[in-house]
């Protein structure tokens, strides 16, 4: 935690300083080592069940944004206080999630915050990095501008499984790990945004620098227009093309079926064996 309350003012940790948690009111201890960035730590567990112990990854992300946007307090319908990691000037809440979070708790935050973006630490479990790289290798290419991939087996990837049903925006951060697709799309510079769709998952890369710059600017209020709408347009066009291709294929199959019926004089109510598919459909008449 970066800020504590002292005499109703937000203060940063310094050696010997005392403060209380702005959410639960419990005592905070200033951690001021020589190497890591200074921070506040709860002397006892924080009563805000949405709060998780911060890592250096948390603090690095939060410090990409102005101090006034960090650790903003909101009250829910019961009057319980919750601390948001970052809330931008245009009302976007950004939560930086390192640890595993229960689906019920995540859903409650999705419901509580009107406009929410999750940035998820993809480096916490080494297997997640390996699985995501496998996903990159096996995914189908959809578009280059904007860059989009499609994965047809999201259940094979734990990180995708855990977040694919989230109603808010989800971005995976793999830090400096070597997760990449072909040339030029690497986790070193990108965040990975997922777009779940029935039994498929669309994945697109977003420059970290662009995301940070945009969320720090008035343009953050146009996030959908600037970032999401072009992606959604491409996905709609891709889906329409796939549906057209399926209709053409079905038409060809029906035409072939009618041709065979006519050639062999097959009646609709009779069965015969289709060797192409290895299934019994209609019996050839003698």
Protein backbone atom coordinates (compact mmCIF):
# COMPACT_ATOMS: atom_id res chain seq x y z
CA UNK A 1 0.00 0.00 0.00
CA UNK A 2 1.39 3.38 -0.97
CA UNK A 3 -0.78 5.69 1.15
CA UNK A 4 -1.84 5.71 4.80
CA UNK A 5 -3.98 8.21 6.66
CA UNK A 6 -2.51 10.49 9.30
CA UNK A 7 -4.63 13.33 10.66
CA UNK A 8 -7.03 12.66 7.75
CA UNK A 9 -4.29 13.28 5.21
CA UNK A 10 -2.76 10.76 2.81
CA UNK A 11 0.91 10.20 3.54
CA UNK A 12 3.60 8.04 1.98
CA UNK A 13 5.79 5.72 4.07
CA UNK A 14 8.92 7.10 5.69
CA UNK A 15 11.06 5.67 8.47
CA UNK A 16 9.30 6.04 11.81
CA UNK A 17 6.03 7.28 10.30
CA UNK A 18 2.70 6.03 11.63
CA UNK A 19 -0.59 5.71 9.82
CA UNK A 20 -3.86 3.83 9.50
CA UNK A 21 -5.48 2.03 6.57
CA UNK A 22 -7.89 4.35 4.75
CA UNK A 23 -10.21 1.39 4.18
CA UNK A 24 -10.36 -0.65 7.39
CA UNK A 25 -8.78 1.84 9.83
CA UNK A 26 -6.24 -0.64 11.20
CA UNK A 27 -2.65 0.27 12.01
CA UNK A 28 -0.09 0.33 9.21
CA UNK A 29 3.64 -0.22 9.47
CA UNK A 30 6.04 1.66 7.20
CA UNK A 31 8.39 -0.69 5.33
CA UNK A 32 11.44 1.34 4.35
CA UNK A 33 14.27 -0.90 3.19
CA UNK A 34 17.33 0.11 1.23
CA UNK A 35 16.49 -1.73 -2.00
CA UNK A 36 12.74 -2.03 -2.57
CA UNK A 37 10.39 0.91 -2.90
CA UNK A 38 8.95 2.03 0.45
CA UNK A 39 5.40 0.92 1.24
CA UNK A 40 2.85 0.48 4.03
CA UNK A 41 2.00 -2.94 5.41
CA UNK A 42 -0.93 -3.94 7.61
CA UNK A 43 0.13 -4.88 11.11
CA UNK A 44 -2.81 -7.27 11.04
CA UNK A 45 -4.87 -8.56 8.14
CA UNK A 46 -6.87 -5.92 6.28
CA UNK A 47 -10.64 -6.17 6.80
CA UNK A 48 -11.24 -5.27 3.15
CA UNK A 49 -11.54 -8.78 1.64
CA UNK A 50 -10.93 -7.30 -1.83
CA UNK A 51 -7.47 -6.16 -0.83
CA UNK A 52 -4.45 -8.37 -1.47
CA UNK A 53 -0.89 -8.00 -0.26
CA UNK A 54 1.04 -5.93 -2.76
CA UNK A 55 4.00 -7.12 -4.76
CA UNK A 56 6.63 -5.03 -6.50
CA UNK A 57 4.69 -5.78 -9.70
CA UNK A 58 1.63 -4.06 -8.15
CA UNK A 59 3.56 -1.00 -7.09
CA UNK A 60 5.34 -0.63 -10.41
CA UNK A 61 2.03 -0.67 -12.25
CA UNK A 62 0.26 1.76 -9.90
CA UNK A 63 3.10 4.22 -10.15
CA UNK A 64 2.47 4.55 -13.88
CA UNK A 65 -0.47 6.75 -12.86
CA UNK A 66 -0.87 9.99 -10.86
CA UNK A 67 -0.89 9.73 -7.06
CA UNK A 68 -4.42 11.10 -6.81
CA UNK A 69 -5.70 8.19 -8.93
CA UNK A 70 -4.11 5.51 -6.75
CA UNK A 71 -5.82 3.62 -3.91
CA UNK A 72 -9.18 5.34 -4.24
CA UNK A 73 -11.83 4.48 -1.64
CA UNK A 74 -15.38 3.56 -2.64
CA UNK A 75 -18.30 2.37 -0.52
CA UNK A 76 -20.65 -0.41 -1.57
CA UNK A 77 -24.39 -0.54 -0.87
CA UNK A 78 -23.80 -1.83 2.67
CA UNK A 79 -21.38 1.01 3.43
CA UNK A 80 -18.34 -1.27 3.31
CA UNK A 81 -15.22 0.45 1.99
CA UNK A 82 -13.13 -0.92 -0.87
CA UNK A 83 -9.81 0.32 -2.24
CA UNK A 84 -9.44 0.46 -6.01
CA UNK A 85 -5.86 0.23 -7.27
CA UNK A 86 -6.38 3.03 -9.80
CA UNK A 87 -9.37 5.09 -10.91
CA UNK A 88 -8.73 7.38 -13.88
CA UNK A 89 -10.15 10.86 -14.41
CA UNK A 90 -12.69 9.40 -16.86
CA UNK A 91 -13.95 6.83 -14.35
CA UNK A 92 -12.11 3.68 -15.45
CA UNK A 93 -11.13 1.43 -12.55
CA UNK A 94 -7.93 -0.56 -13.09
CA UNK A 95 -7.26 -3.53 -10.82
CA UNK A 96 -3.84 -5.19 -10.87
CA UNK A 97 -4.31 -8.85 -9.96
CA UNK A 98 -1.33 -10.98 -8.97
CA UNK A 99 -2.83 -13.77 -6.86
CA UNK A 100 -5.59 -16.22 -7.75
CA UNK A 101 -9.02 -14.69 -7.20
CA UNK A 102 -12.25 -16.58 -6.58
CA UNK A 103 -14.77 -16.27 -9.41
CA UNK A 104 -17.47 -15.02 -7.01
CA UNK A 105 -15.23 -12.26 -5.69
CA UNK A 106 -14.19 -11.24 -9.18
CA UNK A 107 -17.81 -11.12 -10.31
CA UNK A 108 -18.71 -8.89 -7.37
CA UNK A 109 -16.05 -6.38 -8.42
CA UNK A 110 -17.20 -6.56 -12.04
CA UNK A 111 -20.66 -5.64 -10.80
CA UNK A 112 -19.49 -2.99 -8.32
CA UNK A 113 -17.30 -0.97 -10.68
CA UNK A 114 -19.06 0.48 -13.70
CA UNK A 115 -16.00 0.49 -15.98
CA UNK A 116 -13.36 -2.02 -14.93
CA UNK A 117 -10.10 -3.25 -16.47
CA UNK A 118 -8.19 -6.19 -15.00
CA UNK A 119 -4.43 -6.34 -15.57
CA UNK A 120 -3.42 -9.88 -14.61
CA UNK A 121 0.13 -10.94 -13.73
CA UNK A 122 0.87 -13.76 -16.15
CA UNK A 123 4.24 -14.53 -14.57
CA UNK A 124 3.01 -15.76 -11.18
CA UNK A 125 2.89 -19.39 -12.33
CA UNK A 126 5.68 -20.47 -14.71
CA UNK A 127 3.32 -23.00 -16.30
CA UNK A 128 1.03 -20.15 -17.40
CA UNK A 129 3.84 -18.64 -19.46
CA UNK A 130 4.55 -21.99 -21.11
CA UNK A 131 0.84 -22.66 -21.78
CA UNK A 132 0.31 -19.22 -23.27
CA UNK A 133 3.28 -19.70 -25.57
CA UNK A 134 1.73 -23.01 -26.68
CA UNK A 135 -1.49 -21.13 -27.35
CA UNK A 136 0.42 -18.64 -29.50
CA UNK A 137 1.95 -21.50 -31.47
CA UNK A 138 -1.37 -23.26 -32.06
CA UNK A 139 -3.66 -20.27 -32.55
CA UNK A 140 -5.17 -19.39 -35.92
CA UNK A 141 -4.24 -16.04 -37.45
CA UNK A 142 -7.23 -13.72 -37.99
CA UNK A 143 -5.92 -10.24 -38.67
CA UNK A 144 -2.72 -8.21 -38.74
CA UNK A 145 -4.10 -4.70 -38.19
CA UNK A 146 -5.36 -4.98 -35.52
CA UNK A 147 -3.39 -8.10 -34.66
CA UNK A 148 -5.84 -10.88 -33.69
CA UNK A 149 -5.53 -14.62 -33.10
CA UNK A 150 -8.24 -17.19 -32.43
CA UNK A 151 -7.92 -20.23 -30.19
CA UNK A 152 -10.52 -22.97 -30.51
CA UNK A 153 -9.56 -24.89 -27.36
CA UNK A 154 -9.53 -22.33 -24.49
CA UNK A 155 -10.17 -25.10 -21.95
CA UNK A 156 -6.60 -26.33 -22.53
CA UNK A 157 -5.11 -23.18 -21.03
CA UNK A 158 -5.59 -22.49 -17.33
CA UNK A 159 -5.17 -18.72 -17.44
CA UNK A 160 -7.73 -18.45 -20.25
CA UNK A 161 -10.10 -20.76 -18.37
CA UNK A 162 -9.90 -18.66 -15.21
CA UNK A 163 -10.65 -15.37 -16.96
CA UNK A 164 -12.61 -16.17 -20.13
CA UNK A 165 -16.01 -15.64 -18.48
CA UNK A 166 -15.12 -12.25 -17.00
CA UNK A 167 -17.54 -9.48 -17.99
CA UNK A 168 -14.86 -6.76 -17.75
CA UNK A 169 -11.79 -6.18 -19.90
CA UNK A 170 -8.90 -8.55 -19.11
CA UNK A 171 -5.26 -7.90 -20.04
CA UNK A 172 -2.46 -10.40 -19.38
CA UNK A 173 0.97 -9.02 -18.51
CA UNK A 174 3.84 -11.47 -19.05
CA UNK A 175 6.52 -8.95 -18.13
CA UNK A 176 9.88 -9.72 -19.72
CA UNK A 177 9.00 -13.34 -20.44
CA UNK A 178 9.54 -14.54 -23.99
CA UNK A 179 5.94 -15.07 -25.05
CA UNK A 180 5.64 -14.15 -28.71
CA UNK A 181 3.88 -14.86 -32.00
CA UNK A 182 5.95 -14.94 -35.18
CA UNK A 183 8.04 -11.76 -35.41
CA UNK A 184 7.19 -8.47 -33.80
CA UNK A 185 4.52 -9.48 -31.29
CA UNK A 186 6.21 -10.12 -27.96
CA UNK A 187 5.19 -9.94 -24.32
CA UNK A 188 8.20 -7.70 -23.73
CA UNK A 189 6.25 -4.79 -25.16
CA UNK A 190 2.67 -6.02 -25.28
CA UNK A 191 -0.30 -6.79 -23.10
CA UNK A 192 -2.66 -9.50 -24.31
CA UNK A 193 -6.38 -8.77 -24.39
CA UNK A 194 -8.84 -11.68 -24.53
CA UNK A 195 -12.24 -11.65 -26.25
CA UNK A 196 -14.21 -14.77 -25.22
CA UNK A 197 -16.85 -16.02 -27.69
CA UNK A 198 -18.79 -19.24 -26.95
CA UNK A 199 -16.22 -22.06 -27.23
CA UNK A 200 -13.55 -19.85 -28.79
CA UNK A 201 -11.24 -17.14 -27.50
CA UNK A 202 -9.91 -14.25 -29.56
CA UNK A 203 -6.59 -12.77 -28.46
CA UNK A 204 -5.08 -9.45 -29.44
CA UNK A 205 -1.92 -7.60 -28.44
CA UNK A 206 -1.82 -4.06 -27.10
CA UNK A 207 1.33 -2.03 -26.59
CA UNK A 208 1.97 -1.47 -22.88
CA UNK A 209 3.23 2.04 -23.56
CA UNK A 210 0.12 2.83 -25.61
CA UNK A 211 -2.19 1.49 -22.89
CA UNK A 212 -0.45 3.48 -20.14
CA UNK A 213 -0.35 6.66 -22.24
CA UNK A 214 -3.98 6.33 -23.23
CA UNK A 215 -5.29 5.65 -19.71
CA UNK A 216 -3.34 8.68 -18.45
CA UNK A 217 -4.92 10.95 -21.06
CA UNK A 218 -8.43 12.30 -21.72
CA UNK A 219 -8.61 9.70 -24.51
CA UNK A 220 -9.23 7.04 -21.87
CA UNK A 221 -12.88 8.08 -22.01
CA UNK A 222 -12.85 6.92 -25.65
CA UNK A 223 -11.27 3.54 -24.92
CA UNK A 224 -14.05 1.67 -26.70
CA UNK A 225 -13.88 3.89 -29.78
CA UNK A 226 -10.08 4.03 -30.09
CA UNK A 227 -9.12 0.53 -29.00
CA UNK A 228 -12.04 -1.87 -28.83
CA UNK A 229 -14.29 -0.84 -31.73
CA UNK A 230 -11.68 -1.60 -34.45
CA UNK A 231 -11.09 -5.02 -32.89
CA UNK A 232 -14.80 -5.74 -32.63
CA UNK A 233 -15.32 -4.66 -36.24
CA UNK A 234 -12.62 -7.09 -37.38
CA UNK A 235 -14.15 -9.89 -35.31
CA UNK A 236 -17.61 -9.22 -36.75
CA UNK A 237 -16.20 -9.37 -40.29
CA UNK A 238 -14.32 -12.58 -39.49
CA UNK A 239 -17.43 -14.18 -37.99
CA UNK A 240 -19.52 -13.15 -41.01
CA UNK A 241 -16.93 -14.66 -43.39
CA UNK A 242 -16.91 -17.91 -41.42
CA UNK A 243 -20.71 -18.09 -41.47
CA UNK A 244 -20.75 -17.43 -45.23
CA UNK A 245 -18.19 -20.19 -45.77
CA UNK A 246 -20.28 -22.61 -43.71
CA UNK A 247 -23.40 -21.75 -45.72
CA UNK A 248 -21.55 -22.35 -49.00
CA UNK A 249 -20.26 -25.69 -47.71
CA UNK A 250 -23.73 -26.77 -46.56
CA UNK A 251 -25.17 -25.79 -49.94
CA UNK A 252 -22.55 -27.93 -51.71
CA UNK A 253 -23.29 -30.90 -49.45
CA UNK A 254 -27.04 -30.62 -50.10
CA UNK A 255 -26.48 -30.36 -53.85
CA UNK A 256 -24.25 -33.46 -53.72
CA UNK A 257 -26.85 -35.32 -51.67
CA UNK A 258 -29.58 -34.46 -54.19
CA UNK A 259 -27.35 -35.54 -57.08
CA UNK A 260 -26.72 -38.96 -55.50
CA UNK A 261 -30.41 -39.43 -54.72
CA UNK A 262 -31.32 -38.61 -58.28
CA UNK A 263 -28.57 -40.80 -59.77
CA UNK A 264 -29.56 -43.89 -57.76
CA UNK A 265 -33.27 -43.21 -57.53
CA UNK A 266 -33.21 -42.98 -53.73
CA UNK A 267 -36.46 -42.13 -51.99
CA UNK A 268 -36.47 -39.77 -49.00
CA UNK A 269 -37.64 -42.46 -46.56
CA UNK A 270 -35.00 -45.02 -47.60
CA UNK A 271 -31.60 -45.49 -45.95
CA UNK A 272 -28.27 -45.78 -47.74
CA UNK A 273 -24.63 -45.93 -46.73
CA UNK A 274 -22.41 -42.93 -47.46
CA UNK A 275 -18.84 -44.24 -47.73
CA UNK A 276 -17.33 -40.75 -47.65
CA UNK A 277 -18.42 -40.21 -44.06
CA UNK A 278 -18.77 -43.81 -42.91
CA UNK A 279 -22.35 -43.30 -41.73
CA UNK A 280 -25.65 -44.88 -42.72
CA UNK A 281 -27.92 -42.33 -44.34
CA UNK A 282 -30.07 -43.92 -47.05
CA UNK A 283 -30.23 -47.38 -48.58
CA UNK A 284 -29.54 -47.55 -52.31
CA UNK A 285 -32.50 -48.88 -54.23
CA UNK A 286 -31.96 -51.98 -56.40
